[in-house]
Amino acid sequence: MFDYETIRLIWWLFIGVVAIAFALTEGFDFGAGTLLPFVGKTDVERRVVLNTVGGTWEGNQVWLVLLGGAIFAIWPAVYATLFSGLYIAMMLVLFSLFLRPAGFDYRSKIDCPKWRNAWDWALFLGGTLPPILLGVLVGNLLIGLPFHLDEDLRPSYD
């Protein structure tokens, strides 16, 4: 029905739309986490900042899951090359994203200023590190990764 070039264009458009949707929706959530120590000086102010993203932050991360799953389904060799070439940055993104749900869930469990302050810093790191590291990832992709594929489509880095 469609030739290869048309299907490839459709998939690239799909990946682009999902990446843009992730950047637009999750950018607000990352910004709230990044600005948390600077905007919210009191516990009440910080709770207000967290409540602005409280209803949507989990749903916004679905775009990232869809992006990773789509790349894995469409181009497994690209997925494997991306994760093996940028392994440290991808693992740091993953681990910093773990801080967000824990911070949202555990921040208010114990009424102790030290406890809340620790989780506020976890939310700060979870909001600051992923955009920086994803910027490193996209920047390296735009510059180009130094690899080539052999006859079995296995990547080898130079």
C-alpha atoms as a PDB file:
ATOM      1  CA  MET A   1       0.000   0.000   0.000  1.00  0.00           C
ATOM      2  CA  PHE A   2       2.766   2.448   0.967  1.00  0.00           C
ATOM      3  CA  ASP A   3       6.339   2.367  -0.193  1.00  0.00           C
ATOM      4  CA  TYR A   4       9.216   2.312   2.280  1.00  0.00           C
ATOM      5  CA  GLU A   5       9.991   6.030   1.994  1.00  0.00           C
ATOM      6  CA  THR A   6       6.393   6.998   2.823  1.00  0.00           C
ATOM      7  CA  ILE A   7       6.246   4.673   5.821  1.00  0.00           C
ATOM      8  CA  ARG A   8       9.580   5.979   7.058  1.00  0.00           C
ATOM      9  CA  LEU A   9       8.329   9.561   6.747  1.00  0.00           C
ATOM     10  CA  ILE A  10       5.135   8.705   8.645  1.00  0.00           C
ATOM     11  CA  TRP A  11       7.123   7.114  11.467  1.00  0.00           C
ATOM     12  CA  TRP A  12       9.529  10.071  11.661  1.00  0.00           C
ATOM     13  CA  LEU A  13       6.549  12.439  11.847  1.00  0.00           C
ATOM     14  CA  PHE A  14       5.036  10.296  14.597  1.00  0.00           C
ATOM     15  CA  ILE A  15       8.300  10.326  16.566  1.00  0.00           C
ATOM     16  CA  GLY A  16       8.563  14.097  16.075  1.00  0.00           C
ATOM     17  CA  VAL A  17       5.014  14.733  17.286  1.00  0.00           C
ATOM     18  CA  VAL A  18       5.541  12.565  20.366  1.00  0.00           C
ATOM     19  CA  ALA A  19       8.873  14.274  21.154  1.00  0.00           C
ATOM     20  CA  ILE A  20       7.295  17.720  20.809  1.00  0.00           C
ATOM     21  CA  ALA A  21       4.330  16.675  22.963  1.00  0.00           C
ATOM     22  CA  PHE A  22       6.758  15.447  25.636  1.00  0.00           C
ATOM     23  CA  ALA A  23       8.773  18.663  25.533  1.00  0.00           C
ATOM     24  CA  LEU A  24       5.694  20.871  25.773  1.00  0.00           C
ATOM     25  CA  THR A  25       3.871  19.004  28.516  1.00  0.00           C
ATOM     26  CA  GLU A  26       6.772  17.867  30.641  1.00  0.00           C
ATOM     27  CA  GLY A  27       8.625  21.171  30.366  1.00  0.00           C
ATOM     28  CA  PHE A  28       6.186  22.796  32.765  1.00  0.00           C
ATOM     29  CA  ASP A  29       6.630  19.967  35.261  1.00  0.00           C
ATOM     30  CA  PHE A  30      10.419  20.089  35.036  1.00  0.00           C
ATOM     31  CA  GLY A  31      10.310  23.867  35.465  1.00  0.00           C
ATOM     32  CA  ALA A  32       8.177  23.592  38.593  1.00  0.00           C
ATOM     33  CA  GLY A  33      10.658  21.127  40.098  1.00  0.00           C
ATOM     34  CA  THR A  34      13.647  23.229  39.110  1.00  0.00           C
ATOM     35  CA  LEU A  35      12.206  26.434  40.523  1.00  0.00           C
ATOM     36  CA  LEU A  36      10.874  24.812  43.703  1.00  0.00           C
ATOM     37  CA  PRO A  37      13.694  25.950  46.035  1.00  0.00           C
ATOM     38  CA  PHE A  38      13.737  29.445  44.539  1.00  0.00           C
ATOM     39  CA  VAL A  39      10.015  30.218  44.169  1.00  0.00           C
ATOM     40  CA  GLY A  40       8.709  28.481  47.270  1.00  0.00           C
ATOM     41  CA  LYS A  41      10.339  29.995  50.321  1.00  0.00           C
ATOM     42  CA  THR A  42       7.894  28.489  52.832  1.00  0.00           C
ATOM     43  CA  ASP A  43       6.357  25.050  53.012  1.00  0.00           C
ATOM     44  CA  VAL A  44       2.962  26.428  51.971  1.00  0.00           C
ATOM     45  CA  GLU A  45       4.457  28.120  48.891  1.00  0.00           C
ATOM     46  CA  ARG A  46       6.242  24.922  47.909  1.00  0.00           C
ATOM     47  CA  ARG A  47       3.016  22.948  48.324  1.00  0.00           C
ATOM     48  CA  VAL A  48       1.281  25.435  45.995  1.00  0.00           C
ATOM     49  CA  VAL A  49       4.031  24.982  43.385  1.00  0.00           C
ATOM     50  CA  LEU A  50       3.744  21.194  43.624  1.00  0.00           C
ATOM     51  CA  ASN A  51      -0.050  21.339  43.405  1.00  0.00           C
ATOM     52  CA  THR A  52       0.185  23.186  40.072  1.00  0.00           C
ATOM     53  CA  VAL A  53       1.677  20.061  38.488  1.00  0.00           C
ATOM     54  CA  GLY A  54       0.227  17.479  40.855  1.00  0.00           C
ATOM     55  CA  GLY A  55      -2.642  16.457  38.610  1.00  0.00           C
ATOM     56  CA  THR A  56      -0.729  16.121  35.345  1.00  0.00           C
ATOM     57  CA  TRP A  57       2.900  15.195  35.942  1.00  0.00           C
ATOM     58  CA  GLU A  58       2.379  11.430  35.808  1.00  0.00           C
ATOM     59  CA  GLY A  59       0.347  11.618  32.620  1.00  0.00           C
ATOM     60  CA  ASN A  60       2.961  13.810  30.980  1.00  0.00           C
ATOM     61  CA  GLN A  61       5.640  11.157  31.486  1.00  0.00           C
ATOM     62  CA  VAL A  62       3.622   8.797  29.307  1.00  0.00           C
ATOM     63  CA  TRP A  63       4.916  10.737  26.293  1.00  0.00           C
ATOM     64  CA  LEU A  64       8.483   9.737  27.203  1.00  0.00           C
ATOM     65  CA  VAL A  65       7.472   6.103  27.627  1.00  0.00           C
ATOM     66  CA  LEU A  66       5.678   6.214  24.268  1.00  0.00           C
ATOM     67  CA  LEU A  67       8.724   7.800  22.643  1.00  0.00           C
ATOM     68  CA  GLY A  68      11.075   5.100  23.947  1.00  0.00           C
ATOM     69  CA  GLY A  69       8.652   2.307  23.092  1.00  0.00           C
ATOM     70  CA  ALA A  70       8.021   3.672  19.595  1.00  0.00           C
ATOM     71  CA  ILE A  71      11.725   3.940  18.820  1.00  0.00           C
ATOM     72  CA  PHE A  72      12.228   0.404  20.135  1.00  0.00           C
ATOM     73  CA  ALA A  73       9.342  -0.929  18.024  1.00  0.00           C
ATOM     74  CA  ILE A  74      10.153   0.987  14.850  1.00  0.00           C
ATOM     75  CA  TRP A  75      13.958   0.928  14.810  1.00  0.00           C
ATOM     76  CA  PRO A  76      15.415  -1.504  17.375  1.00  0.00           C
ATOM     77  CA  ALA A  77      18.919  -0.956  15.993  1.00  0.00           C
ATOM     78  CA  VAL A  78      18.609   2.793  16.574  1.00  0.00           C
ATOM     79  CA  TYR A  79      17.276   2.154  20.087  1.00  0.00           C
ATOM     80  CA  ALA A  80      20.170  -0.194  20.876  1.00  0.00           C
ATOM     81  CA  THR A  81      22.737   2.178  19.427  1.00  0.00           C
ATOM     82  CA  LEU A  82      21.276   5.133  21.292  1.00  0.00           C
ATOM     83  CA  PHE A  83      21.281   3.362  24.640  1.00  0.00           C
ATOM     84  CA  SER A  84      24.690   1.791  24.244  1.00  0.00           C
ATOM     85  CA  GLY A  85      26.356   4.961  22.964  1.00  0.00           C
ATOM     86  CA  LEU A  86      24.812   7.297  25.504  1.00  0.00           C
ATOM     87  CA  TYR A  87      24.457   4.800  28.323  1.00  0.00           C
ATOM     88  CA  ILE A  88      25.634   7.034  31.164  1.00  0.00           C
ATOM     89  CA  ALA A  89      23.391   9.953  30.177  1.00  0.00           C
ATOM     90  CA  MET A  90      20.381   7.661  29.692  1.00  0.00           C
ATOM     91  CA  MET A  91      20.888   5.955  33.054  1.00  0.00           C
ATOM     92  CA  LEU A  92      21.254   9.317  34.790  1.00  0.00           C
ATOM     93  CA  VAL A  93      17.999  10.480  33.157  1.00  0.00           C
ATOM     94  CA  LEU A  94      16.286   7.309  34.322  1.00  0.00           C
ATOM     95  CA  PHE A  95      17.563   7.541  37.888  1.00  0.00           C
ATOM     96  CA  SER A  96      16.766  11.246  38.158  1.00  0.00           C
ATOM     97  CA  LEU A  97      13.243  10.534  36.904  1.00  0.00           C
ATOM     98  CA  PHE A  98      12.883   8.048  39.782  1.00  0.00           C
ATOM     99  CA  LEU A  99      13.245  10.939  42.235  1.00  0.00           C
ATOM    100  CA  ARG A 100      10.061  12.636  41.034  1.00  0.00           C
ATOM    101  CA  PRO A 101       7.377  10.094  41.964  1.00  0.00           C
ATOM    102  CA  ALA A 102       9.097   9.393  45.257  1.00  0.00           C
ATOM    103  CA  GLY A 103       9.302  13.113  45.986  1.00  0.00           C
ATOM    104  CA  PHE A 104       5.651  13.716  45.181  1.00  0.00           C
ATOM    105  CA  ASP A 105       4.492  10.693  47.172  1.00  0.00           C
ATOM    106  CA  TYR A 106       6.731  10.857  50.242  1.00  0.00           C
ATOM    107  CA  ARG A 107       7.145  14.596  50.768  1.00  0.00           C
ATOM    108  CA  SER A 108       4.047  14.948  52.932  1.00  0.00           C
ATOM    109  CA  LYS A 109       4.153  11.572  54.674  1.00  0.00           C
ATOM    110  CA  ILE A 110       6.035  12.814  57.743  1.00  0.00           C
ATOM    111  CA  ASP A 111       5.494  16.249  59.250  1.00  0.00           C
ATOM    112  CA  CYS A 112       9.161  17.094  59.720  1.00  0.00           C
ATOM    113  CA  PRO A 113      10.962  20.055  58.092  1.00  0.00           C
ATOM    114  CA  LYS A 114      14.131  18.037  57.429  1.00  0.00           C
ATOM    115  CA  TRP A 115      12.117  15.266  55.777  1.00  0.00           C
ATOM    116  CA  ARG A 116      10.267  17.704  53.505  1.00  0.00           C
ATOM    117  CA  ASN A 117      13.451  19.593  52.705  1.00  0.00           C
ATOM    118  CA  ALA A 118      15.162  16.365  51.610  1.00  0.00           C
ATOM    119  CA  TRP A 119      12.271  15.493  49.298  1.00  0.00           C
ATOM    120  CA  ASP A 120      12.156  19.069  48.004  1.00  0.00           C
ATOM    121  CA  TRP A 121      15.782  18.664  46.948  1.00  0.00           C
ATOM    122  CA  ALA A 122      14.931  15.315  45.361  1.00  0.00           C
ATOM    123  CA  LEU A 123      12.186  17.059  43.376  1.00  0.00           C
ATOM    124  CA  PHE A 124      14.654  19.801  42.448  1.00  0.00           C
ATOM    125  CA  LEU A 125      17.146  17.246  41.115  1.00  0.00           C
ATOM    126  CA  GLY A 126      14.353  15.310  39.386  1.00  0.00           C
ATOM    127  CA  GLY A 127      13.262  18.512  37.662  1.00  0.00           C
ATOM    128  CA  THR A 128      16.728  19.836  36.794  1.00  0.00           C
ATOM    129  CA  LEU A 129      18.814  16.849  35.704  1.00  0.00           C
ATOM    130  CA  PRO A 130      16.524  15.279  33.053  1.00  0.00           C
ATOM    131  CA  PRO A 131      16.235  18.391  30.839  1.00  0.00           C
ATOM    132  CA  ILE A 132      19.972  18.967  31.001  1.00  0.00           C
ATOM    133  CA  LEU A 133      20.787  15.331  30.255  1.00  0.00           C
ATOM    134  CA  LEU A 134      18.169  15.091  27.506  1.00  0.00           C
ATOM    135  CA  GLY A 135      19.752  18.203  26.021  1.00  0.00           C
ATOM    136  CA  VAL A 136      23.120  16.428  26.085  1.00  0.00           C
ATOM    137  CA  LEU A 137      21.502  13.449  24.381  1.00  0.00           C
ATOM    138  CA  VAL A 138      19.840  15.502  21.626  1.00  0.00           C
ATOM    139  CA  GLY A 139      22.971  17.591  21.163  1.00  0.00           C
ATOM    140  CA  ASN A 140      25.067  14.473  20.663  1.00  0.00           C
ATOM    141  CA  LEU A 141      22.503  13.124  18.219  1.00  0.00           C
ATOM    142  CA  LEU A 142      22.623  16.360  16.215  1.00  0.00           C
ATOM    143  CA  ILE A 143      26.422  16.392  16.185  1.00  0.00           C
ATOM    144  CA  GLY A 144      26.510  12.720  15.302  1.00  0.00           C
ATOM    145  CA  LEU A 145      27.596   9.643  17.192  1.00  0.00           C
ATOM    146  CA  PRO A 146      30.895   8.066  16.103  1.00  0.00           C
ATOM    147  CA  PHE A 147      29.693   4.581  15.180  1.00  0.00           C
ATOM    148  CA  HIS A 148      29.196   2.351  12.186  1.00  0.00           C
ATOM    149  CA  LEU A 149      27.121  -0.761  11.571  1.00  0.00           C
ATOM    150  CA  ASP A 150      28.646  -4.047  10.448  1.00  0.00           C
ATOM    151  CA  GLU A 151      26.986  -6.510   8.044  1.00  0.00           C
ATOM    152  CA  ASP A 152      24.792  -7.876  10.878  1.00  0.00           C
ATOM    153  CA  LEU A 153      23.689  -4.332  11.885  1.00  0.00           C
ATOM    154  CA  ARG A 154      25.693  -4.425  15.099  1.00  0.00           C
ATOM    155  CA  PRO A 155      26.969  -0.984  16.107  1.00  0.00           C
ATOM    156  CA  SER A 156      30.677  -0.444  16.671  1.00  0.00           C
ATOM    157  CA  TYR A 157      31.877   2.806  18.180  1.00  0.00           C
ATOM    158  CA  ASP A 158      34.980   4.510  16.858  1.00  0.00           C
END
